[in-house]
Amino acid sequence: MGPNGVVDWPAAGIVRALGEAAGELSADGWAPVSEAGSWVADRHPSQVPSKYGCRSWRQVIHESRG
C-alpha cells in the first residue's frame, strides 16, 4: 500500500503471488481461491489480504481487477 493508502494493484506483491499460485494450481484455466490463498501463505507469508486493506482473498481478487 502506498503512503497515501492507495494500492497500486498492478504492482502489488500479492497480485504477483496470486498469479504464481494460479500458474501452479490451475486446471482448465481456473484455480480455487482457497487453494491459491494457502499456496501464497506457504510461499509468500508476508503477502496477506489485510496488508492491502482486504478481509479475504476473494476481496483481493475483486479489488485488483478494479
Protein backbone atom coordinates (compact mmCIF):
# COMPACT_ATOMS: atom_id res chain seq x y z
CA MET A 1 0.00 0.00 0.00
CA GLY A 2 1.34 3.39 -0.90
CA PRO A 3 1.90 6.23 1.56
CA ASN A 4 -1.47 7.71 0.65
CA GLY A 5 -3.27 4.44 1.46
CA VAL A 6 -3.97 3.61 -2.18
CA VAL A 7 -2.89 0.23 -3.50
CA ASP A 8 -1.13 0.13 -6.85
CA TRP A 9 -2.75 -3.20 -7.71
CA PRO A 10 -0.79 -3.96 -10.91
CA ALA A 11 2.48 -3.61 -8.95
CA ALA A 12 1.27 -5.26 -5.72
CA GLY A 13 3.23 -8.26 -4.47
CA ILE A 14 0.04 -10.08 -3.55
CA VAL A 15 -1.17 -9.90 -7.15
CA ARG A 16 2.11 -11.35 -8.43
CA ALA A 17 1.93 -14.09 -5.79
CA LEU A 18 -1.64 -14.97 -6.74
CA GLY A 19 -0.57 -15.11 -10.37
CA GLU A 20 2.17 -17.58 -9.45
CA ALA A 21 -0.37 -19.64 -7.48
CA ALA A 22 -2.76 -19.66 -10.42
CA GLY A 23 0.00 -20.86 -12.70
CA GLU A 24 0.84 -23.72 -10.36
CA LEU A 25 -2.70 -24.74 -9.43
CA SER A 26 -4.85 -24.02 -12.45
CA ALA A 27 -6.87 -26.69 -14.16
CA ASP A 28 -8.64 -25.64 -17.34
CA GLY A 29 -7.68 -22.03 -16.59
CA TRP A 30 -9.18 -21.96 -13.08
CA ALA A 31 -7.72 -22.28 -9.59
CA PRO A 32 -9.73 -22.49 -6.36
CA VAL A 33 -9.35 -19.26 -4.38
CA SER A 34 -8.85 -21.09 -1.08
CA GLU A 35 -6.08 -23.24 -2.53
CA ALA A 36 -4.41 -20.21 -4.11
CA GLY A 37 -4.54 -18.38 -0.78
CA SER A 38 -2.95 -21.33 1.00
CA TRP A 39 -0.28 -21.59 -1.69
CA VAL A 40 0.58 -17.90 -1.29
CA ALA A 41 0.58 -18.15 2.53
CA ASP A 42 3.08 -21.03 2.36
CA ARG A 43 5.45 -19.39 -0.12
CA HIS A 44 4.97 -15.65 0.49
CA PRO A 45 3.85 -15.32 4.13
CA SER A 46 4.13 -11.52 4.12
CA GLN A 47 1.55 -11.29 1.33
CA VAL A 48 -1.72 -11.31 3.27
CA PRO A 49 -5.01 -9.64 2.34
CA SER A 50 -5.02 -7.41 5.43
CA LYS A 51 -1.76 -5.79 4.29
CA TYR A 52 -3.74 -4.42 1.34
CA GLY A 53 -6.85 -3.40 3.26
CA CYS A 54 -8.79 -6.55 2.34
CA ARG A 55 -10.57 -9.09 4.53
CA SER A 56 -10.31 -12.08 2.20
CA TRP A 57 -8.56 -13.49 -0.85
CA ARG A 58 -11.77 -13.01 -2.81
CA GLN A 59 -11.74 -9.31 -1.95
CA VAL A 60 -8.12 -9.07 -3.11
CA ILE A 61 -9.12 -10.56 -6.46
CA HIS A 62 -12.13 -8.25 -6.75
CA GLU A 63 -10.18 -5.11 -5.80
CA SER A 64 -7.20 -5.93 -8.02
CA ARG A 65 -9.41 -6.21 -11.09
CA GLY A 66 -10.58 -2.63 -10.48
